Amino acid sequence: MTVVVDAGVWISALHFKGAPLEAVEHALRCGSVAVCIEIVREIQKALVGKFRWRDGEADEELSRYLVDAVWIDGIGKLHGSAAIPRTT
């Protein structure tokens, strides 16, 4: 099975470790992870900008997990989001 791990999960996994990292590692053990450059850029931006990782540190750490990743074509920019209407 191939899964796409959301950038937020990657960020939590790399920065905070714990359950998010366990989930990523489980996905890698049980199948493969698909990734695109937009997800990688979002991860880098958050780790360097918000969490003050050194330049290159995010790349180095992330690359350890993406050695066997399935790279997919970029998805472009999200121009809105789908919302599920509340029924209550």
PDB file of N, CA and C in Angstrom:
ATOM      1  N   MET A   1       0.840  -1.168   0.000  1.00  0.00           N
ATOM      2  CA  MET A   1       0.000   0.000   0.000  1.00  0.00           C
ATOM      3  C   MET A   1       0.895   1.244   0.000  1.00  0.00           C
ATOM      4  N   THR A   2       0.476   2.249  -0.714  1.00  0.00           N
ATOM      5  CA  THR A   2       1.171   3.525  -0.750  1.00  0.00           C
ATOM      6  C   THR A   2       0.293   4.570  -0.085  1.00  0.00           C
ATOM      7  N   VAL A   3       0.875   5.336   0.826  1.00  0.00           N
ATOM      8  CA  VAL A   3       0.112   6.372   1.529  1.00  0.00           C
ATOM      9  C   VAL A   3       0.777   7.726   1.342  1.00  0.00           C
ATOM     10  N   VAL A   4      -0.021   8.765   1.425  1.00  0.00           N
ATOM     11  CA  VAL A   4       0.483  10.134   1.430  1.00  0.00           C
ATOM     12  C   VAL A   4       0.342  10.634   2.860  1.00  0.00           C
ATOM     13  N   VAL A   5       1.449  11.035   3.438  1.00  0.00           N
ATOM     14  CA  VAL A   5       1.440  11.559   4.801  1.00  0.00           C
ATOM     15  C   VAL A   5       1.321  13.079   4.707  1.00  0.00           C
ATOM     16  N   ASP A   6       0.325  13.618   5.367  1.00  0.00           N
ATOM     17  CA  ASP A   6       0.080  15.060   5.384  1.00  0.00           C
ATOM     18  C   ASP A   6       1.293  15.803   5.951  1.00  0.00           C
ATOM     19  N   ALA A   7       1.537  17.003   5.437  1.00  0.00           N
ATOM     20  CA  ALA A   7       2.672  17.799   5.892  1.00  0.00           C
ATOM     21  C   ALA A   7       2.624  18.036   7.402  1.00  0.00           C
ATOM     22  N   GLY A   8       1.453  18.240   7.947  1.00  0.00           N
ATOM     23  CA  GLY A   8       1.327  18.449   9.384  1.00  0.00           C
ATOM     24  C   GLY A   8       1.778  17.256  10.201  1.00  0.00           C
ATOM     25  N   VAL A   9       1.501  16.069   9.691  1.00  0.00           N
ATOM     26  CA  VAL A   9       1.945  14.853  10.371  1.00  0.00           C
ATOM     27  C   VAL A   9       3.462  14.744  10.283  1.00  0.00           C
ATOM     28  N   TRP A  10       4.015  15.026   9.095  1.00  0.00           N
ATOM     29  CA  TRP A  10       5.473  15.013   8.938  1.00  0.00           C
ATOM     30  C   TRP A  10       6.130  15.989   9.910  1.00  0.00           C
ATOM     31  N   ILE A  11       5.597  17.195   9.988  1.00  0.00           N
ATOM     32  CA  ILE A  11       6.168  18.222  10.854  1.00  0.00           C
ATOM     33  C   ILE A  11       6.148  17.756  12.309  1.00  0.00           C
ATOM     34  N   SER A  12       5.013  17.234  12.749  1.00  0.00           N
ATOM     35  CA  SER A  12       4.910  16.730  14.124  1.00  0.00           C
ATOM     36  C   SER A  12       5.851  15.550  14.349  1.00  0.00           C
ATOM     37  N   ALA A  13       5.946  14.678  13.358  1.00  0.00           N
ATOM     38  CA  ALA A  13       6.819  13.507  13.483  1.00  0.00           C
ATOM     39  C   ALA A  13       8.279  13.913  13.625  1.00  0.00           C
ATOM     40  N   LEU A  14       8.713  14.840  12.795  1.00  0.00           N
ATOM     41  CA  LEU A  14      10.117  15.228  12.803  1.00  0.00           C
ATOM     42  C   LEU A  14      10.469  16.123  13.993  1.00  0.00           C
ATOM     43  N   HIS A  15       9.559  16.975  14.384  1.00  0.00           N
ATOM     44  CA  HIS A  15       9.876  17.933  15.448  1.00  0.00           C
ATOM     45  C   HIS A  15       9.546  17.398  16.847  1.00  0.00           C
ATOM     46  N   PHE A  16       8.372  16.795  16.994  1.00  0.00           N
ATOM     47  CA  PHE A  16       7.924  16.375  18.315  1.00  0.00           C
ATOM     48  C   PHE A  16       8.131  14.884  18.590  1.00  0.00           C
ATOM     49  N   LYS A  17       8.314  14.101  17.521  1.00  0.00           N
ATOM     50  CA  LYS A  17       8.489  12.642  17.614  1.00  0.00           C
ATOM     51  C   LYS A  17       7.181  11.994  18.083  1.00  0.00           C
ATOM     52  N   GLY A  18       7.224  11.054  18.994  1.00  0.00           N
ATOM     53  CA  GLY A  18       6.033  10.433  19.569  1.00  0.00           C
ATOM     54  C   GLY A  18       5.168   9.691  18.565  1.00  0.00           C
ATOM     55  N   ALA A  19       3.852   9.762  18.786  1.00  0.00           N
ATOM     56  CA  ALA A  19       2.887   9.026  17.968  1.00  0.00           C
ATOM     57  C   ALA A  19       2.951   9.392  16.483  1.00  0.00           C
ATOM     58  N   PRO A  20       3.122  10.672  16.123  1.00  0.00           N
ATOM     59  CA  PRO A  20       3.220  10.967  14.688  1.00  0.00           C
ATOM     60  C   PRO A  20       4.410  10.273  14.017  1.00  0.00           C
ATOM     61  N   LEU A  21       5.551  10.235  14.701  1.00  0.00           N
ATOM     62  CA  LEU A  21       6.711   9.551  14.131  1.00  0.00           C
ATOM     63  C   LEU A  21       6.461   8.052  14.044  1.00  0.00           C
ATOM     64  N   GLU A  22       5.809   7.502  15.045  1.00  0.00           N
ATOM     65  CA  GLU A  22       5.461   6.070  15.006  1.00  0.00           C
ATOM     66  C   GLU A  22       4.552   5.772  13.820  1.00  0.00           C
ATOM     67  N   ALA A  23       3.610   6.664  13.533  1.00  0.00           N
ATOM     68  CA  ALA A  23       2.707   6.472  12.398  1.00  0.00           C
ATOM     69  C   ALA A  23       3.464   6.502  11.070  1.00  0.00           C
ATOM     70  N   VAL A  24       4.382   7.460  10.937  1.00  0.00           N
ATOM     71  CA  VAL A  24       5.190   7.548   9.713  1.00  0.00           C
ATOM     72  C   VAL A  24       6.041   6.301   9.559  1.00  0.00           C
ATOM     73  N   GLU A  25       6.704   5.890  10.633  1.00  0.00           N
ATOM     74  CA  GLU A  25       7.554   4.702  10.565  1.00  0.00           C
ATOM     75  C   GLU A  25       6.746   3.449  10.258  1.00  0.00           C
ATOM     76  N   HIS A  26       5.533   3.362  10.789  1.00  0.00           N
ATOM     77  CA  HIS A  26       4.659   2.221  10.493  1.00  0.00           C
ATOM     78  C   HIS A  26       4.299   2.199   9.002  1.00  0.00           C
ATOM     79  N   ALA A  27       3.959   3.364   8.464  1.00  0.00           N
ATOM     80  CA  ALA A  27       3.627   3.453   7.034  1.00  0.00           C
ATOM     81  C   ALA A  27       4.819   3.010   6.187  1.00  0.00           C
ATOM     82  N   LEU A  28       6.012   3.413   6.574  1.00  0.00           N
ATOM     83  CA  LEU A  28       7.210   3.038   5.823  1.00  0.00           C
ATOM     84  C   LEU A  28       7.497   1.537   5.921  1.00  0.00           C
ATOM     85  N   ARG A  29       7.252   0.954   7.081  1.00  0.00           N
ATOM     86  CA  ARG A  29       7.477  -0.492   7.258  1.00  0.00           C
ATOM     87  C   ARG A  29       6.459  -1.333   6.490  1.00  0.00           C
ATOM     88  N   CYS A  30       5.230  -0.850   6.440  1.00  0.00           N
ATOM     89  CA  CYS A  30       4.133  -1.649   5.875  1.00  0.00           C
ATOM     90  C   CYS A  30       3.868  -1.387   4.401  1.00  0.00           C
ATOM     91  N   GLY A  31       4.527  -0.437   3.821  1.00  0.00           N
ATOM     92  CA  GLY A  31       4.272  -0.114   2.419  1.00  0.00           C
ATOM     93  C   GLY A  31       5.236   0.951   1.968  1.00  0.00           C
ATOM     94  N   SER A  32       4.705   1.917   1.257  1.00  0.00           N
ATOM     95  CA  SER A  32       5.545   3.011   0.786  1.00  0.00           C
ATOM     96  C   SER A  32       4.816   4.328   1.012  1.00  0.00           C
ATOM     97  N   VAL A  33       5.597   5.388   1.006  1.00  0.00           N
ATOM     98  CA  VAL A  33       5.065   6.724   1.217  1.00  0.00           C
ATOM     99  C   VAL A  33       5.220   7.513  -0.077  1.00  0.00           C
ATOM    100  N   ALA A  34       4.151   8.153  -0.495  1.00  0.00           N
ATOM    101  CA  ALA A  34       4.193   9.021  -1.673  1.00  0.00           C
ATOM    102  C   ALA A  34       4.352  10.454  -1.202  1.00  0.00           C
ATOM    103  N   VAL A  35       5.125  11.223  -1.955  1.00  0.00           N
ATOM    104  CA  VAL A  35       5.389  12.602  -1.573  1.00  0.00           C
ATOM    105  C   VAL A  35       5.531  13.451  -2.836  1.00  0.00           C
ATOM    106  N   CYS A  36       5.277  14.726  -2.700  1.00  0.00           N
ATOM    107  CA  CYS A  36       5.492  15.651  -3.808  1.00  0.00           C
ATOM    108  C   CYS A  36       6.288  16.843  -3.280  1.00  0.00           C
ATOM    109  N   ILE A  37       6.827  17.607  -4.167  1.00  0.00           N
ATOM    110  CA  ILE A  37       7.682  18.728  -3.780  1.00  0.00           C
ATOM    111  C   ILE A  37       6.931  19.763  -2.952  1.00  0.00           C
ATOM    112  N   GLU A  38       5.647  19.938  -3.191  1.00  0.00           N
ATOM    113  CA  GLU A  38       4.867  20.906  -2.417  1.00  0.00           C
ATOM    114  C   GLU A  38       4.799  20.509  -0.942  1.00  0.00           C
ATOM    115  N   ILE A  39       4.624  19.223  -0.671  1.00  0.00           N
ATOM    116  CA  ILE A  39       4.598  18.748   0.714  1.00  0.00           C
ATOM    117  C   ILE A  39       5.955  18.971   1.359  1.00  0.00           C
ATOM    118  N   VAL A  40       7.021  18.627   0.638  1.00  0.00           N
ATOM    119  CA  VAL A  40       8.374  18.804   1.175  1.00  0.00           C
ATOM    120  C   VAL A  40       8.639  20.273   1.476  1.00  0.00           C
ATOM    121  N   ARG A  41       8.247  21.166   0.590  1.00  0.00           N
ATOM    122  CA  ARG A  41       8.459  22.605   0.821  1.00  0.00           C
ATOM    123  C   ARG A  41       7.688  23.102   2.041  1.00  0.00           C
ATOM    124  N   GLU A  42       6.479  22.606   2.217  1.00  0.00           N
ATOM    125  CA  GLU A  42       5.675  23.003   3.374  1.00  0.00           C
ATOM    126  C   GLU A  42       6.333  22.540   4.673  1.00  0.00           C
ATOM    127  N   ILE A  43       6.872  21.331   4.662  1.00  0.00           N
ATOM    128  CA  ILE A  43       7.573  20.801   5.833  1.00  0.00           C
ATOM    129  C   ILE A  43       8.801  21.656   6.134  1.00  0.00           C
ATOM    130  N   GLN A  44       9.603  21.927   5.110  1.00  0.00           N
ATOM    131  CA  GLN A  44      10.814  22.731   5.284  1.00  0.00           C
ATOM    132  C   GLN A  44      10.481  24.124   5.823  1.00  0.00           C
ATOM    133  N   LYS A  45       9.469  24.748   5.244  1.00  0.00           N
ATOM    134  CA  LYS A  45       9.073  26.097   5.651  1.00  0.00           C
ATOM    135  C   LYS A  45       8.684  26.133   7.130  1.00  0.00           C
ATOM    136  N   ALA A  46       7.919  25.150   7.572  1.00  0.00           N
ATOM    137  CA  ALA A  46       7.479  25.121   8.974  1.00  0.00           C
ATOM    138  C   ALA A  46       8.641  24.830   9.923  1.00  0.00           C
ATOM    139  N   LEU A  47       9.467  23.846   9.579  1.00  0.00           N
ATOM    140  CA  LEU A  47      10.553  23.484  10.488  1.00  0.00           C
ATOM    141  C   LEU A  47      11.586  24.601  10.618  1.00  0.00           C
ATOM    142  N   VAL A  48      11.899  25.253   9.506  1.00  0.00           N
ATOM    143  CA  VAL A  48      12.894  26.321   9.541  1.00  0.00           C
ATOM    144  C   VAL A  48      12.276  27.619  10.068  1.00  0.00           C
ATOM    145  N   GLY A  49      11.104  27.967   9.563  1.00  0.00           N
ATOM    146  CA  GLY A  49      10.481  29.235   9.930  1.00  0.00           C
ATOM    147  C   GLY A  49       9.858  29.249  11.309  1.00  0.00           C
ATOM    148  N   LYS A  50       9.069  28.255  11.617  1.00  0.00           N
ATOM    149  CA  LYS A  50       8.330  28.246  12.880  1.00  0.00           C
ATOM    150  C   LYS A  50       9.132  27.624  14.020  1.00  0.00           C
ATOM    151  N   PHE A  51       9.845  26.544  13.718  1.00  0.00           N
ATOM    152  CA  PHE A  51      10.543  25.819  14.776  1.00  0.00           C
ATOM    153  C   PHE A  51      12.046  26.089  14.811  1.00  0.00           C
ATOM    154  N   ARG A  52      12.498  27.003  13.926  1.00  0.00           N
ATOM    155  CA  ARG A  52      13.876  27.491  13.929  1.00  0.00           C
ATOM    156  C   ARG A  52      14.941  26.413  13.715  1.00  0.00           C
ATOM    157  N   TRP A  53      14.608  25.415  12.865  1.00  0.00           N
ATOM    158  CA  TRP A  53      15.633  24.450  12.494  1.00  0.00           C
ATOM    159  C   TRP A  53      16.647  25.169  11.617  1.00  0.00           C
ATOM    160  N   ARG A  54      17.891  24.720  11.628  1.00  0.00           N
ATOM    161  CA  ARG A  54      18.919  25.290  10.763  1.00  0.00           C
ATOM    162  C   ARG A  54      18.627  24.963   9.309  1.00  0.00           C
ATOM    163  N   ASP A  55      19.075  25.827   8.409  1.00  0.00           N
ATOM    164  CA  ASP A  55      18.959  25.549   6.977  1.00  0.00           C
ATOM    165  C   ASP A  55      19.642  24.221   6.684  1.00  0.00           C
ATOM    166  N   GLY A  56      18.985  23.374   5.945  1.00  0.00           N
ATOM    167  CA  GLY A  56      19.542  22.078   5.585  1.00  0.00           C
ATOM    168  C   GLY A  56      19.222  20.981   6.583  1.00  0.00           C
ATOM    169  N   GLU A  57      18.952  21.343   7.834  1.00  0.00           N
ATOM    170  CA  GLU A  57      18.641  20.336   8.854  1.00  0.00           C
ATOM    171  C   GLU A  57      17.349  19.583   8.517  1.00  0.00           C
ATOM    172  N   ALA A  58      16.344  20.319   8.062  1.00  0.00           N
ATOM    173  CA  ALA A  58      15.076  19.683   7.693  1.00  0.00           C
ATOM    174  C   ALA A  58      15.272  18.743   6.506  1.00  0.00           C
ATOM    175  N   ASP A  59      16.037  19.203   5.508  1.00  0.00           N
ATOM    176  CA  ASP A  59      16.320  18.366   4.339  1.00  0.00           C
ATOM    177  C   ASP A  59      17.010  17.069   4.749  1.00  0.00           C
ATOM    178  N   GLU A  60      18.005  17.212   5.597  1.00  0.00           N
ATOM    179  CA  GLU A  60      18.788  16.055   6.026  1.00  0.00           C
ATOM    180  C   GLU A  60      17.919  15.041   6.773  1.00  0.00           C
ATOM    181  N   GLU A  61      17.135  15.522   7.710  1.00  0.00           N
ATOM    182  CA  GLU A  61      16.286  14.628   8.503  1.00  0.00           C
ATOM    183  C   GLU A  61      15.205  13.986   7.636  1.00  0.00           C
ATOM    184  N   LEU A  62      14.545  14.781   6.817  1.00  0.00           N
ATOM    185  CA  LEU A  62      13.475  14.272   5.970  1.00  0.00           C
ATOM    186  C   LEU A  62      14.001  13.270   4.950  1.00  0.00           C
ATOM    187  N   SER A  63      15.171  13.528   4.398  1.00  0.00           N
ATOM    188  CA  SER A  63      15.721  12.638   3.368  1.00  0.00           C
ATOM    189  C   SER A  63      15.956  11.225   3.891  1.00  0.00           C
ATOM    190  N   ARG A  64      16.217  11.091   5.185  1.00  0.00           N
ATOM    191  CA  ARG A  64      16.381   9.746   5.763  1.00  0.00           C
ATOM    192  C   ARG A  64      15.108   8.915   5.618  1.00  0.00           C
ATOM    193  N   TYR A  65      13.967   9.572   5.672  1.00  0.00           N
ATOM    194  CA  TYR A  65      12.686   8.873   5.588  1.00  0.00           C
ATOM    195  C   TYR A  65      12.186   8.729   4.154  1.00  0.00           C
ATOM    196  N   LEU A  66      12.707   9.534   3.249  1.00  0.00           N
ATOM    197  CA  LEU A  66      12.196   9.538   1.877  1.00  0.00           C
ATOM    198  C   LEU A  66      13.087   8.791   0.884  1.00  0.00           C
ATOM    199  N   VAL A  67      14.010   7.996   1.388  1.00  0.00           N
ATOM    200  CA  VAL A  67      14.931   7.254   0.516  1.00  0.00           C
ATOM    201  C   VAL A  67      14.161   6.419  -0.508  1.00  0.00           C
ATOM    202  N   ASP A  68      13.132   5.731  -0.063  1.00  0.00           N
ATOM    203  CA  ASP A  68      12.357   4.857  -0.955  1.00  0.00           C
ATOM    204  C   ASP A  68      10.986   5.425  -1.289  1.00  0.00           C
ATOM    205  N   ALA A  69      10.818   6.727  -1.129  1.00  0.00           N
ATOM    206  CA  ALA A  69       9.513   7.351  -1.373  1.00  0.00           C
ATOM    207  C   ALA A  69       9.126   7.277  -2.843  1.00  0.00           C
ATOM    208  N   VAL A  70       7.836   7.283  -3.068  1.00  0.00           N
ATOM    209  CA  VAL A  70       7.271   7.381  -4.407  1.00  0.00           C
ATOM    210  C   VAL A  70       7.016   8.859  -4.653  1.00  0.00           C
ATOM    211  N   TRP A  71       7.730   9.444  -5.600  1.00  0.00           N
ATOM    212  CA  TRP A  71       7.556  10.866  -5.905  1.00  0.00           C
ATOM    213  C   TRP A  71       6.446  11.025  -6.926  1.00  0.00           C
ATOM    214  N   ILE A  72       5.483  11.863  -6.615  1.00  0.00           N
ATOM    215  CA  ILE A  72       4.361  12.101  -7.512  1.00  0.00           C
ATOM    216  C   ILE A  72       4.458  13.514  -8.073  1.00  0.00           C
ATOM    217  N   ASP A  73       3.796  13.730  -9.187  1.00  0.00           N
ATOM    218  CA  ASP A  73       3.771  15.063  -9.792  1.00  0.00           C
ATOM    219  C   ASP A  73       3.148  16.036  -8.816  1.00  0.00           C
ATOM    220  N   GLY A  74       3.623  17.255  -8.879  1.00  0.00           N
ATOM    221  CA  GLY A  74       3.120  18.290  -7.986  1.00  0.00           C
ATOM    222  C   GLY A  74       1.635  18.488  -8.124  1.00  0.00           C
ATOM    223  N   ILE A  75       1.043  18.865  -7.041  1.00  0.00           N
ATOM    224  CA  ILE A  75      -0.401  19.079  -7.032  1.00  0.00           C
ATOM    225  C   ILE A  75      -0.761  20.539  -7.218  1.00  0.00           C
ATOM    226  N   GLY A  76       0.226  21.419  -7.244  1.00  0.00           N
ATOM    227  CA  GLY A  76      -0.050  22.839  -7.398  1.00  0.00           C
ATOM    228  C   GLY A  76      -0.541  23.444  -6.110  1.00  0.00           C
ATOM    229  N   LYS A  77      -1.128  24.614  -6.219  1.00  0.00           N
ATOM    230  CA  LYS A  77      -1.618  25.315  -5.037  1.00  0.00           C
ATOM    231  C   LYS A  77      -3.067  24.952  -4.771  1.00  0.00           C
ATOM    232  N   LEU A  78      -3.398  24.882  -3.505  1.00  0.00           N
ATOM    233  CA  LEU A  78      -4.773  24.672  -3.094  1.00  0.00           C
ATOM    234  C   LEU A  78      -5.481  26.017  -3.136  1.00  0.00           C
ATOM    235  N   HIS A  79      -6.549  26.098  -3.889  1.00  0.00           N
ATOM    236  CA  HIS A  79      -7.269  27.361  -4.062  1.00  0.00           C
ATOM    237  C   HIS A  79      -8.609  27.316  -3.346  1.00  0.00           C
ATOM    238  N   GLY A  80      -8.594  26.933  -2.101  1.00  0.00           N
ATOM    239  CA  GLY A  80      -9.826  26.821  -1.348  1.00  0.00           C
ATOM    240  C   GLY A  80      -9.861  25.458  -0.693  1.00  0.00           C
ATOM    241  N   SER A  81     -10.900  25.221   0.040  1.00  0.00           N
ATOM    242  CA  SER A  81     -11.003  23.909   0.693  1.00  0.00           C
ATOM    243  C   SER A  81     -12.458  23.481   0.690  1.00  0.00           C
ATOM    244  N   ALA A  82     -12.612  22.194   0.730  1.00  0.00           N
ATOM    245  CA  ALA A  82     -13.962  21.640   0.793  1.00  0.00           C
ATOM    246  C   ALA A  82     -14.376  21.593   2.255  1.00  0.00           C
ATOM    247  N   ALA A  83     -15.576  21.954   2.517  1.00  0.00           N
ATOM    248  CA  ALA A  83     -16.084  21.914   3.882  1.00  0.00           C
ATOM    249  C   ALA A  83     -17.329  21.051   3.918  1.00  0.00           C
ATOM    250  N   ILE A  84     -17.441  20.293   4.965  1.00  0.00           N
ATOM    251  CA  ILE A  84     -18.638  19.482   5.165  1.00  0.00           C
ATOM    252  C   ILE A  84     -19.619  20.333   5.972  1.00  0.00           C
ATOM    253  N   PRO A  85     -20.798  20.588   5.407  1.00  0.00           N
ATOM    254  CA  PRO A  85     -21.755  21.444   6.123  1.00  0.00           C
ATOM    255  C   PRO A  85     -22.182  20.829   7.439  1.00  0.00           C
ATOM    256  N   ARG A  86     -22.343  21.673   8.425  1.00  0.00           N
ATOM    257  CA  ARG A  86     -22.824  21.200   9.724  1.00  0.00           C
ATOM    258  C   ARG A  86     -24.313  20.899   9.632  1.00  0.00           C
ATOM    259  N   THR A  87     -24.692  19.839  10.306  1.00  0.00           N
ATOM    260  CA  THR A  87     -26.098  19.460  10.271  1.00  0.00           C
ATOM    261  C   THR A  87     -26.786  19.721  11.617  1.00  0.00           C
ATOM    262  N   THR A  88     -26.019  20.210  12.576  1.00  0.00           N
ATOM    263  CA  THR A  88     -26.628  20.459  13.885  1.00  0.00           C
ATOM    264  C   THR A  88     -26.751  21.924  14.167  1.00  0.00           C
TER     265      THR A  88
END
